[in-house]
Amino acid sequence: MHLAVNAPVATQMGRALLDFVWAVRYHVDPVVRQGVLFSVCAVFLSMPSRHLLSELSHHLLETRAWLGDVAEGDPDADCRSLATHSLLLLESGLKKELRPETPAPRP
């Protein structure tokens, strides 16, 4: 995902990756959950924020709720940390996209 950040197909790749890993998000093995969280981070970093909102809007609420649950209650410290970082990435990306652009001040 990281190397496809500027490719036109990055949005489709991100959606496919999230669909692929979503089925194992509650796996008992913490390494598998860490892989899911890493994939979520990769999608948040690689997809433009406007595409996150337009292409994944129906998944964002569920993903955000799941990340919050993991950040607060996962027994593995690495999973909690990755979930917190994922939430921060999501929030910063959405804030950038939703913040109205202000015109530059005139000299």
PDB file of N, CA and C in Angstrom:
ATOM      1  N   MET A   1       0.822  -1.187   0.000  1.00  0.00           N
ATOM      2  CA  MET A   1       0.000   0.000   0.000  1.00  0.00           C
ATOM      3  C   MET A   1       0.867   1.252   0.000  1.00  0.00           C
ATOM      4  N   HIS A   2       1.924   1.242   0.763  1.00  0.00           N
ATOM      5  CA  HIS A   2       2.738   2.450   0.897  1.00  0.00           C
ATOM      6  C   HIS A   2       3.303   2.894  -0.450  1.00  0.00           C
ATOM      7  N   LEU A   3       3.751   1.954  -1.258  1.00  0.00           N
ATOM      8  CA  LEU A   3       4.335   2.309  -2.543  1.00  0.00           C
ATOM      9  C   LEU A   3       3.288   2.688  -3.585  1.00  0.00           C
ATOM     10  N   ALA A   4       2.039   2.399  -3.323  1.00  0.00           N
ATOM     11  CA  ALA A   4       0.966   2.726  -4.267  1.00  0.00           C
ATOM     12  C   ALA A   4       0.274   4.033  -3.915  1.00  0.00           C
ATOM     13  N   VAL A   5       0.873   4.823  -3.048  1.00  0.00           N
ATOM     14  CA  VAL A   5       0.208   6.014  -2.532  1.00  0.00           C
ATOM     15  C   VAL A   5      -0.206   6.978  -3.643  1.00  0.00           C
ATOM     16  N   ASN A   6       0.567   7.117  -4.685  1.00  0.00           N
ATOM     17  CA  ASN A   6       0.236   8.044  -5.767  1.00  0.00           C
ATOM     18  C   ASN A   6      -0.390   7.359  -6.972  1.00  0.00           C
ATOM     19  N   ALA A   7      -0.592   6.082  -6.896  1.00  0.00           N
ATOM     20  CA  ALA A   7      -1.182   5.348  -8.019  1.00  0.00           C
ATOM     21  C   ALA A   7      -2.693   5.528  -8.022  1.00  0.00           C
ATOM     22  N   PRO A   8      -3.287   5.604  -9.196  1.00  0.00           N
ATOM     23  CA  PRO A   8      -4.749   5.747  -9.258  1.00  0.00           C
ATOM     24  C   PRO A   8      -5.497   4.561  -8.653  1.00  0.00           C
ATOM     25  N   VAL A   9      -4.844   3.421  -8.582  1.00  0.00           N
ATOM     26  CA  VAL A   9      -5.494   2.213  -8.085  1.00  0.00           C
ATOM     27  C   VAL A   9      -5.393   2.082  -6.563  1.00  0.00           C
ATOM     28  N   ALA A  10      -4.784   3.045  -5.886  1.00  0.00           N
ATOM     29  CA  ALA A  10      -4.579   2.950  -4.438  1.00  0.00           C
ATOM     30  C   ALA A  10      -5.894   2.840  -3.674  1.00  0.00           C
ATOM     31  N   THR A  11      -6.921   3.526  -4.135  1.00  0.00           N
ATOM     32  CA  THR A  11      -8.205   3.471  -3.439  1.00  0.00           C
ATOM     33  C   THR A  11      -8.810   2.074  -3.507  1.00  0.00           C
ATOM     34  N   GLN A  12      -8.775   1.472  -4.680  1.00  0.00           N
ATOM     35  CA  GLN A  12      -9.306   0.113  -4.820  1.00  0.00           C
ATOM     36  C   GLN A  12      -8.468  -0.882  -4.028  1.00  0.00           C
ATOM     37  N   MET A  13      -7.148  -0.680  -4.011  1.00  0.00           N
ATOM     38  CA  MET A  13      -6.277  -1.570  -3.243  1.00  0.00           C
ATOM     39  C   MET A  13      -6.572  -1.457  -1.749  1.00  0.00           C
ATOM     40  N   GLY A  14      -6.768  -0.239  -1.270  1.00  0.00           N
ATOM     41  CA  GLY A  14      -7.067  -0.034   0.146  1.00  0.00           C
ATOM     42  C   GLY A  14      -8.377  -0.675   0.548  1.00  0.00           C
ATOM     43  N   ARG A  15      -9.394  -0.497  -0.287  1.00  0.00           N
ATOM     44  CA  ARG A  15     -10.700  -1.108   0.005  1.00  0.00           C
ATOM     45  C   ARG A  15     -10.579  -2.632   0.010  1.00  0.00           C
ATOM     46  N   ALA A  16      -9.851  -3.192  -0.953  1.00  0.00           N
ATOM     47  CA  ALA A  16      -9.678  -4.650  -1.021  1.00  0.00           C
ATOM     48  C   ALA A  16      -8.892  -5.171   0.185  1.00  0.00           C
ATOM     49  N   LEU A  17      -7.867  -4.433   0.600  1.00  0.00           N
ATOM     50  CA  LEU A  17      -7.086  -4.853   1.768  1.00  0.00           C
ATOM     51  C   LEU A  17      -7.932  -4.855   3.029  1.00  0.00           C
ATOM     52  N   LEU A  18      -8.727  -3.802   3.216  1.00  0.00           N
ATOM     53  CA  LEU A  18      -9.591  -3.765   4.402  1.00  0.00           C
ATOM     54  C   LEU A  18     -10.626  -4.883   4.378  1.00  0.00           C
ATOM     55  N   ASP A  19     -11.209  -5.155   3.219  1.00  0.00           N
ATOM     56  CA  ASP A  19     -12.167  -6.264   3.116  1.00  0.00           C
ATOM     57  C   ASP A  19     -11.502  -7.599   3.434  1.00  0.00           C
ATOM     58  N   PHE A  20     -10.252  -7.760   3.011  1.00  0.00           N
ATOM     59  CA  PHE A  20      -9.530  -9.004   3.212  1.00  0.00           C
ATOM     60  C   PHE A  20      -9.212  -9.246   4.684  1.00  0.00           C
ATOM     61  N   VAL A  21      -8.730  -8.220   5.399  1.00  0.00           N
ATOM     62  CA  VAL A  21      -8.295  -8.424   6.786  1.00  0.00           C
ATOM     63  C   VAL A  21      -9.427  -8.291   7.789  1.00  0.00           C
ATOM     64  N   TRP A  22     -10.556  -7.729   7.374  1.00  0.00           N
ATOM     65  CA  TRP A  22     -11.646  -7.458   8.315  1.00  0.00           C
ATOM     66  C   TRP A  22     -12.185  -8.730   8.963  1.00  0.00           C
ATOM     67  N   ALA A  23     -12.144  -9.837   8.256  1.00  0.00           N
ATOM     68  CA  ALA A  23     -12.702 -11.092   8.773  1.00  0.00           C
ATOM     69  C   ALA A  23     -11.915 -11.646   9.965  1.00  0.00           C
ATOM     70  N   VAL A  24     -10.651 -11.261  10.116  1.00  0.00           N
ATOM     71  CA  VAL A  24      -9.826 -11.824  11.192  1.00  0.00           C
ATOM     72  C   VAL A  24      -9.500 -10.796  12.278  1.00  0.00           C
ATOM     73  N   ARG A  25     -10.276  -9.726  12.352  1.00  0.00           N
ATOM     74  CA  ARG A  25      -9.966  -8.669  13.319  1.00  0.00           C
ATOM     75  C   ARG A  25     -10.137  -9.121  14.768  1.00  0.00           C
ATOM     76  N   TYR A  26     -10.935 -10.165  15.012  1.00  0.00           N
ATOM     77  CA  TYR A  26     -11.125 -10.667  16.379  1.00  0.00           C
ATOM     78  C   TYR A  26     -10.369 -11.972  16.625  1.00  0.00           C
ATOM     79  N   HIS A  27      -9.341 -12.235  15.861  1.00  0.00           N
ATOM     80  CA  HIS A  27      -8.565 -13.470  15.995  1.00  0.00           C
ATOM     81  C   HIS A  27      -7.958 -13.550  17.394  1.00  0.00           C
ATOM     82  N   VAL A  28      -7.804 -14.774  17.902  1.00  0.00           N
ATOM     83  CA  VAL A  28      -7.269 -14.959  19.257  1.00  0.00           C
ATOM     84  C   VAL A  28      -5.778 -14.664  19.335  1.00  0.00           C
ATOM     85  N   ASP A  29      -5.050 -14.811  18.238  1.00  0.00           N
ATOM     86  CA  ASP A  29      -3.608 -14.585  18.218  1.00  0.00           C
ATOM     87  C   ASP A  29      -3.323 -13.084  18.077  1.00  0.00           C
ATOM     88  N   PRO A  30      -2.604 -12.504  19.033  1.00  0.00           N
ATOM     89  CA  PRO A  30      -2.349 -11.063  18.959  1.00  0.00           C
ATOM     90  C   PRO A  30      -1.542 -10.651  17.729  1.00  0.00           C
ATOM     91  N   VAL A  31      -0.711 -11.535  17.204  1.00  0.00           N
ATOM     92  CA  VAL A  31       0.079 -11.199  16.017  1.00  0.00           C
ATOM     93  C   VAL A  31      -0.840 -11.000  14.809  1.00  0.00           C
ATOM     94  N   VAL A  32      -1.887 -11.780  14.723  1.00  0.00           N
ATOM     95  CA  VAL A  32      -2.855 -11.613  13.633  1.00  0.00           C
ATOM     96  C   VAL A  32      -3.591 -10.280  13.788  1.00  0.00           C
ATOM     97  N   ARG A  33      -3.982  -9.949  15.006  1.00  0.00           N
ATOM     98  CA  ARG A  33      -4.653  -8.662  15.243  1.00  0.00           C
ATOM     99  C   ARG A  33      -3.710  -7.497  14.941  1.00  0.00           C
ATOM    100  N   GLN A  34      -2.420  -7.661  15.269  1.00  0.00           N
ATOM    101  CA  GLN A  34      -1.446  -6.627  14.947  1.00  0.00           C
ATOM    102  C   GLN A  34      -1.318  -6.452  13.429  1.00  0.00           C
ATOM    103  N   GLY A  35      -1.392  -7.551  12.699  1.00  0.00           N
ATOM    104  CA  GLY A  35      -1.362  -7.479  11.239  1.00  0.00           C
ATOM    105  C   GLY A  35      -2.560  -6.731  10.684  1.00  0.00           C
ATOM    106  N   VAL A  36      -3.714  -6.958  11.272  1.00  0.00           N
ATOM    107  CA  VAL A  36      -4.919  -6.233  10.847  1.00  0.00           C
ATOM    108  C   VAL A  36      -4.751  -4.748  11.129  1.00  0.00           C
ATOM    109  N   LEU A  37      -4.262  -4.422  12.305  1.00  0.00           N
ATOM    110  CA  LEU A  37      -4.060  -3.023  12.670  1.00  0.00           C
ATOM    111  C   LEU A  37      -3.009  -2.358  11.778  1.00  0.00           C
ATOM    112  N   PHE A  38      -1.953  -3.076  11.448  1.00  0.00           N
ATOM    113  CA  PHE A  38      -0.935  -2.551  10.542  1.00  0.00           C
ATOM    114  C   PHE A  38      -1.547  -2.271   9.171  1.00  0.00           C
ATOM    115  N   SER A  39      -2.401  -3.169   8.708  1.00  0.00           N
ATOM    116  CA  SER A  39      -3.060  -2.973   7.426  1.00  0.00           C
ATOM    117  C   SER A  39      -3.976  -1.756   7.445  1.00  0.00           C
ATOM    118  N   VAL A  40      -4.698  -1.574   8.539  1.00  0.00           N
ATOM    119  CA  VAL A  40      -5.575  -0.407   8.673  1.00  0.00           C
ATOM    120  C   VAL A  40      -4.737   0.871   8.632  1.00  0.00           C
ATOM    121  N   CYS A  41      -3.611   0.882   9.339  1.00  0.00           N
ATOM    122  CA  CYS A  41      -2.719   2.047   9.308  1.00  0.00           C
ATOM    123  C   CYS A  41      -2.205   2.312   7.891  1.00  0.00           C
ATOM    124  N   ALA A  42      -1.833   1.243   7.191  1.00  0.00           N
ATOM    125  CA  ALA A  42      -1.324   1.398   5.827  1.00  0.00           C
ATOM    126  C   ALA A  42      -2.380   2.014   4.918  1.00  0.00           C
ATOM    127  N   VAL A  43      -3.623   1.607   5.080  1.00  0.00           N
ATOM    128  CA  VAL A  43      -4.700   2.171   4.270  1.00  0.00           C
ATOM    129  C   VAL A  43      -4.909   3.638   4.624  1.00  0.00           C
ATOM    130  N   PHE A  44      -4.918   3.969   5.899  1.00  0.00           N
ATOM    131  CA  PHE A  44      -5.121   5.358   6.314  1.00  0.00           C
ATOM    132  C   PHE A  44      -3.997   6.259   5.823  1.00  0.00           C
ATOM    133  N   LEU A  45      -2.773   5.733   5.775  1.00  0.00           N
ATOM    134  CA  LEU A  45      -1.636   6.530   5.315  1.00  0.00           C
ATOM    135  C   LEU A  45      -1.568   6.637   3.793  1.00  0.00           C
ATOM    136  N   SER A  46      -2.047   5.645   3.089  1.00  0.00           N
ATOM    137  CA  SER A  46      -1.864   5.580   1.640  1.00  0.00           C
ATOM    138  C   SER A  46      -3.022   6.150   0.839  1.00  0.00           C
ATOM    139  N   MET A  47      -4.216   6.115   1.397  1.00  0.00           N
ATOM    140  CA  MET A  47      -5.365   6.629   0.660  1.00  0.00           C
ATOM    141  C   MET A  47      -5.551   8.114   0.947  1.00  0.00           C
ATOM    142  N   PRO A  48      -5.808   8.900  -0.077  1.00  0.00           N
ATOM    143  CA  PRO A  48      -6.115  10.311   0.181  1.00  0.00           C
ATOM    144  C   PRO A  48      -7.370  10.431   1.053  1.00  0.00           C
ATOM    145  N   SER A  49      -7.388  11.426   1.909  1.00  0.00           N
ATOM    146  CA  SER A  49      -8.493  11.592   2.854  1.00  0.00           C
ATOM    147  C   SER A  49      -9.838  11.726   2.158  1.00  0.00           C
ATOM    148  N   ARG A  50      -9.855  12.403   1.029  1.00  0.00           N
ATOM    149  CA  ARG A  50     -11.132  12.561   0.314  1.00  0.00           C
ATOM    150  C   ARG A  50     -11.659  11.224  -0.170  1.00  0.00           C
ATOM    151  N   HIS A  51     -10.753  10.289  -0.497  1.00  0.00           N
ATOM    152  CA  HIS A  51     -11.189   8.961  -0.920  1.00  0.00           C
ATOM    153  C   HIS A  51     -11.626   8.117   0.264  1.00  0.00           C
ATOM    154  N   LEU A  52     -11.008   8.350   1.426  1.00  0.00           N
ATOM    155  CA  LEU A  52     -11.473   7.649   2.630  1.00  0.00           C
ATOM    156  C   LEU A  52     -12.933   7.978   2.881  1.00  0.00           C
ATOM    157  N   LEU A  53     -13.265   9.254   2.756  1.00  0.00           N
ATOM    158  CA  LEU A  53     -14.648   9.670   3.005  1.00  0.00           C
ATOM    159  C   LEU A  53     -15.593   9.190   1.915  1.00  0.00           C
ATOM    160  N   SER A  54     -15.176   9.268   0.667  1.00  0.00           N
ATOM    161  CA  SER A  54     -16.102   8.925  -0.414  1.00  0.00           C
ATOM    162  C   SER A  54     -16.212   7.420  -0.635  1.00  0.00           C
ATOM    163  N   GLU A  55     -15.110   6.704  -0.536  1.00  0.00           N
ATOM    164  CA  GLU A  55     -15.108   5.274  -0.862  1.00  0.00           C
ATOM    165  C   GLU A  55     -15.361   4.374   0.344  1.00  0.00           C
ATOM    166  N   LEU A  56     -14.966   4.822   1.519  1.00  0.00           N
ATOM    167  CA  LEU A  56     -15.055   3.962   2.703  1.00  0.00           C
ATOM    168  C   LEU A  56     -15.938   4.541   3.799  1.00  0.00           C
ATOM    169  N   SER A  57     -16.797   5.469   3.461  1.00  0.00           N
ATOM    170  CA  SER A  57     -17.594   6.133   4.494  1.00  0.00           C
ATOM    171  C   SER A  57     -18.446   5.145   5.282  1.00  0.00           C
ATOM    172  N   HIS A  58     -18.973   4.124   4.610  1.00  0.00           N
ATOM    173  CA  HIS A  58     -19.811   3.147   5.310  1.00  0.00           C
ATOM    174  C   HIS A  58     -18.994   2.252   6.238  1.00  0.00           C
ATOM    175  N   HIS A  59     -17.679   2.122   5.995  1.00  0.00           N
ATOM    176  CA  HIS A  59     -16.815   1.304   6.852  1.00  0.00           C
ATOM    177  C   HIS A  59     -16.192   2.118   7.987  1.00  0.00           C
ATOM    178  N   LEU A  60     -16.124   3.434   7.832  1.00  0.00           N
ATOM    179  CA  LEU A  60     -15.368   4.236   8.792  1.00  0.00           C
ATOM    180  C   LEU A  60     -15.959   4.208  10.198  1.00  0.00           C
ATOM    181  N   LEU A  61     -17.264   4.248  10.319  1.00  0.00           N
ATOM    182  CA  LEU A  61     -17.864   4.227  11.659  1.00  0.00           C
ATOM    183  C   LEU A  61     -17.581   2.916  12.372  1.00  0.00           C
ATOM    184  N   GLU A  62     -17.748   1.821  11.658  1.00  0.00           N
ATOM    185  CA  GLU A  62     -17.481   0.508  12.268  1.00  0.00           C
ATOM    186  C   GLU A  62     -15.993   0.358  12.585  1.00  0.00           C
ATOM    187  N   THR A  63     -15.135   0.807  11.688  1.00  0.00           N
ATOM    188  CA  THR A  63     -13.694   0.715  11.913  1.00  0.00           C
ATOM    189  C   THR A  63     -13.285   1.571  13.106  1.00  0.00           C
ATOM    190  N   ARG A  64     -13.835   2.754  13.184  1.00  0.00           N
ATOM    191  CA  ARG A  64     -13.514   3.650  14.291  1.00  0.00           C
ATOM    192  C   ARG A  64     -13.966   3.057  15.630  1.00  0.00           C
ATOM    193  N   ALA A  65     -15.148   2.479  15.667  1.00  0.00           N
ATOM    194  CA  ALA A  65     -15.644   1.853  16.896  1.00  0.00           C
ATOM    195  C   ALA A  65     -14.765   0.667  17.286  1.00  0.00           C
ATOM    196  N   TRP A  66     -14.384  -0.151  16.309  1.00  0.00           N
ATOM    197  CA  TRP A  66     -13.534  -1.304  16.593  1.00  0.00           C
ATOM    198  C   TRP A  66     -12.171  -0.852  17.094  1.00  0.00           C
ATOM    199  N   LEU A  67     -11.596   0.172  16.474  1.00  0.00           N
ATOM    200  CA  LEU A  67     -10.292   0.675  16.925  1.00  0.00           C
ATOM    201  C   LEU A  67     -10.380   1.205  18.356  1.00  0.00           C
ATOM    202  N   GLY A  68     -11.468   1.877  18.680  1.00  0.00           N
ATOM    203  CA  GLY A  68     -11.650   2.356  20.052  1.00  0.00           C
ATOM    204  C   GLY A  68     -11.738   1.219  21.044  1.00  0.00           C
ATOM    205  N   ASP A  69     -12.454   0.160  20.682  1.00  0.00           N
ATOM    206  CA  ASP A  69     -12.558  -1.011  21.562  1.00  0.00           C
ATOM    207  C   ASP A  69     -11.200  -1.660  21.775  1.00  0.00           C
ATOM    208  N   VAL A  70     -10.426  -1.786  20.699  1.00  0.00           N
ATOM    209  CA  VAL A  70      -9.095  -2.398  20.806  1.00  0.00           C
ATOM    210  C   VAL A  70      -8.182  -1.515  21.642  1.00  0.00           C
ATOM    211  N   ALA A  71      -8.220  -0.205  21.412  1.00  0.00           N
ATOM    212  CA  ALA A  71      -7.355   0.718  22.143  1.00  0.00           C
ATOM    213  C   ALA A  71      -7.644   0.696  23.640  1.00  0.00           C
ATOM    214  N   GLU A  72      -8.898   0.445  24.010  1.00  0.00           N
ATOM    215  CA  GLU A  72      -9.261   0.456  25.424  1.00  0.00           C
ATOM    216  C   GLU A  72      -9.179  -0.903  26.103  1.00  0.00           C
ATOM    217  N   GLY A  73      -9.417  -1.998  25.348  1.00  0.00           N
ATOM    218  CA  GLY A  73      -9.577  -3.253  26.055  1.00  0.00           C
ATOM    219  C   GLY A  73      -8.831  -4.460  25.537  1.00  0.00           C
ATOM    220  N   ASP A  74      -7.959  -4.311  24.546  1.00  0.00           N
ATOM    221  CA  ASP A  74      -7.239  -5.484  24.053  1.00  0.00           C
ATOM    222  C   ASP A  74      -6.206  -5.922  25.089  1.00  0.00           C
ATOM    223  N   PRO A  75      -6.066  -7.236  25.308  1.00  0.00           N
ATOM    224  CA  PRO A  75      -5.098  -7.693  26.303  1.00  0.00           C
ATOM    225  C   PRO A  75      -3.643  -7.473  25.876  1.00  0.00           C
ATOM    226  N   ASP A  76      -3.382  -7.270  24.591  1.00  0.00           N
ATOM    227  CA  ASP A  76      -2.018  -7.098  24.098  1.00  0.00           C
ATOM    228  C   ASP A  76      -1.677  -5.606  24.018  1.00  0.00           C
ATOM    229  N   ALA A  77      -0.562  -5.224  24.636  1.00  0.00           N
ATOM    230  CA  ALA A  77      -0.160  -3.813  24.672  1.00  0.00           C
ATOM    231  C   ALA A  77       0.170  -3.284  23.280  1.00  0.00           C
ATOM    232  N   ASP A  78       0.781  -4.103  22.428  1.00  0.00           N
ATOM    233  CA  ASP A  78       1.102  -3.649  21.074  1.00  0.00           C
ATOM    234  C   ASP A  78      -0.159  -3.384  20.262  1.00  0.00           C
ATOM    235  N   CYS A  79      -1.165  -4.202  20.436  1.00  0.00           N
ATOM    236  CA  CYS A  79      -2.444  -3.987  19.748  1.00  0.00           C
ATOM    237  C   CYS A  79      -3.092  -2.691  20.217  1.00  0.00           C
ATOM    238  N   ARG A  80      -3.050  -2.451  21.516  1.00  0.00           N
ATOM    239  CA  ARG A  80      -3.622  -1.202  22.041  1.00  0.00           C
ATOM    240  C   ARG A  80      -2.895   0.009  21.468  1.00  0.00           C
ATOM    241  N   SER A  81      -1.580  -0.077  21.406  1.00  0.00           N
ATOM    242  CA  SER A  81      -0.785   1.029  20.870  1.00  0.00           C
ATOM    243  C   SER A  81      -1.068   1.258  19.388  1.00  0.00           C
ATOM    244  N   LEU A  82      -1.094   0.191  18.604  1.00  0.00           N
ATOM    245  CA  LEU A  82      -1.396   0.320  17.175  1.00  0.00           C
ATOM    246  C   LEU A  82      -2.796   0.864  16.942  1.00  0.00           C
ATOM    247  N   ALA A  83      -3.741   0.442  17.744  1.00  0.00           N
ATOM    248  CA  ALA A  83      -5.110   0.943  17.597  1.00  0.00           C
ATOM    249  C   ALA A  83      -5.169   2.434  17.907  1.00  0.00           C
ATOM    250  N   THR A  84      -4.447   2.863  18.909  1.00  0.00           N
ATOM    251  CA  THR A  84      -4.407   4.288  19.242  1.00  0.00           C
ATOM    252  C   THR A  84      -3.793   5.092  18.103  1.00  0.00           C
ATOM    253  N   HIS A  85      -2.697   4.592  17.549  1.00  0.00           N
ATOM    254  CA  HIS A  85      -2.073   5.273  16.416  1.00  0.00           C
ATOM    255  C   HIS A  85      -3.003   5.303  15.205  1.00  0.00           C
ATOM    256  N   SER A  86      -3.716   4.216  14.972  1.00  0.00           N
ATOM    257  CA  SER A  86      -4.666   4.179  13.855  1.00  0.00           C
ATOM    258  C   SER A  86      -5.772   5.208  14.042  1.00  0.00           C
ATOM    259  N   LEU A  87      -6.289   5.320  15.257  1.00  0.00           N
ATOM    260  CA  LEU A  87      -7.317   6.326  15.527  1.00  0.00           C
ATOM    261  C   LEU A  87      -6.790   7.735  15.293  1.00  0.00           C
ATOM    262  N   LEU A  88      -5.561   7.996  15.705  1.00  0.00           N
ATOM    263  CA  LEU A  88      -4.973   9.311  15.490  1.00  0.00           C
ATOM    264  C   LEU A  88      -4.801   9.602  14.004  1.00  0.00           C
ATOM    265  N   LEU A  89      -4.373   8.608  13.237  1.00  0.00           N
ATOM    266  CA  LEU A  89      -4.245   8.777  11.784  1.00  0.00           C
ATOM    267  C   LEU A  89      -5.589   9.071  11.146  1.00  0.00           C
ATOM    268  N   LEU A  90      -6.594   8.333  11.553  1.00  0.00           N
ATOM    269  CA  LEU A  90      -7.931   8.539  10.999  1.00  0.00           C
ATOM    270  C   LEU A  90      -8.442   9.928  11.336  1.00  0.00           C
ATOM    271  N   GLU A  91      -8.305  10.322  12.588  1.00  0.00           N
ATOM    272  CA  GLU A  91      -8.792  11.633  13.013  1.00  0.00           C
ATOM    273  C   GLU A  91      -8.071  12.758  12.290  1.00  0.00           C
ATOM    274  N   SER A  92      -6.749  12.658  12.167  1.00  0.00           N
ATOM    275  CA  SER A  92      -6.014  13.736  11.497  1.00  0.00           C
ATOM    276  C   SER A  92      -6.367  13.800  10.016  1.00  0.00           C
ATOM    277  N   GLY A  93      -6.542  12.654   9.386  1.00  0.00           N
ATOM    278  CA  GLY A  93      -6.936  12.648   7.979  1.00  0.00           C
ATOM    279  C   GLY A  93      -8.319  13.233   7.762  1.00  0.00           C
ATOM    280  N   LEU A  94      -9.249  12.884   8.634  1.00  0.00           N
ATOM    281  CA  LEU A  94     -10.606  13.409   8.495  1.00  0.00           C
ATOM    282  C   LEU A  94     -10.667  14.902   8.814  1.00  0.00           C
ATOM    283  N   LYS A  95      -9.885  15.337   9.792  1.00  0.00           N
ATOM    284  CA  LYS A  95      -9.871  16.764  10.121  1.00  0.00           C
ATOM    285  C   LYS A  95      -9.336  17.580   8.957  1.00  0.00           C
ATOM    286  N   LYS A  96      -8.279  17.064   8.300  1.00  0.00           N
ATOM    287  CA  LYS A  96      -7.735  17.780   7.146  1.00  0.00           C
ATOM    288  C   LYS A  96      -8.761  17.891   6.034  1.00  0.00           C
ATOM    289  N   GLU A  97      -9.510  16.839   5.823  1.00  0.00           N
ATOM    290  CA  GLU A  97     -10.477  16.826   4.735  1.00  0.00           C
ATOM    291  C   GLU A  97     -11.705  17.659   5.054  1.00  0.00           C
ATOM    292  N   LEU A  98     -12.130  17.661   6.294  1.00  0.00           N
ATOM    293  CA  LEU A  98     -13.352  18.369   6.665  1.00  0.00           C
ATOM    294  C   LEU A  98     -13.128  19.837   7.012  1.00  0.00           C
ATOM    295  N   ARG A  99     -11.898  20.216   7.254  1.00  0.00           N
ATOM    296  CA  ARG A  99     -11.586  21.604   7.602  1.00  0.00           C
ATOM    297  C   ARG A  99     -11.704  22.467   6.352  1.00  0.00           C
ATOM    298  N   PRO A 100     -12.491  23.525   6.426  1.00  0.00           N
ATOM    299  CA  PRO A 100     -12.606  24.397   5.259  1.00  0.00           C
ATOM    300  C   PRO A 100     -11.295  25.131   5.032  1.00  0.00           C
ATOM    301  N   GLU A 101     -10.937  25.244   3.764  1.00  0.00           N
ATOM    302  CA  GLU A 101      -9.705  25.944   3.438  1.00  0.00           C
ATOM    303  C   GLU A 101      -9.930  27.444   3.567  1.00  0.00           C
ATOM    304  N   THR A 102      -8.993  28.083   4.228  1.00  0.00           N
ATOM    305  CA  THR A 102      -9.086  29.520   4.376  1.00  0.00           C
ATOM    306  C   THR A 102      -8.153  30.171   3.357  1.00  0.00           C
ATOM    307  N   PRO A 103      -8.583  31.242   2.749  1.00  0.00           N
ATOM    308  CA  PRO A 103      -7.713  31.899   1.765  1.00  0.00           C
ATOM    309  C   PRO A 103      -6.479  32.485   2.440  1.00  0.00           C
ATOM    310  N   ALA A 104      -5.413  32.532   1.691  1.00  0.00           N
ATOM    311  CA  ALA A 104      -4.164  33.097   2.220  1.00  0.00           C
ATOM    312  C   ALA A 104      -4.352  34.598   2.420  1.00  0.00           C
ATOM    313  N   PRO A 105      -3.777  35.143   3.498  1.00  0.00           N
ATOM    314  CA  PRO A 105      -3.906  36.575   3.740  1.00  0.00           C
ATOM    315  C   PRO A 105      -3.181  37.383   2.647  1.00  0.00           C
ATOM    316  N   ARG A 106      -3.765  38.480   2.300  1.00  0.00           N
ATOM    317  CA  ARG A 106      -3.148  39.340   1.285  1.00  0.00           C
ATOM    318  C   ARG A 106      -2.097  40.217   1.945  1.00  0.00           C
ATOM    319  N   PRO A 107      -0.986  40.440   1.236  1.00  0.00           N
ATOM    320  CA  PRO A 107       0.061  41.308   1.812  1.00  0.00           C
ATOM    321  C   PRO A 107      -0.314  42.764   1.787  1.00  0.00           C
TER     322      PRO A 107
END
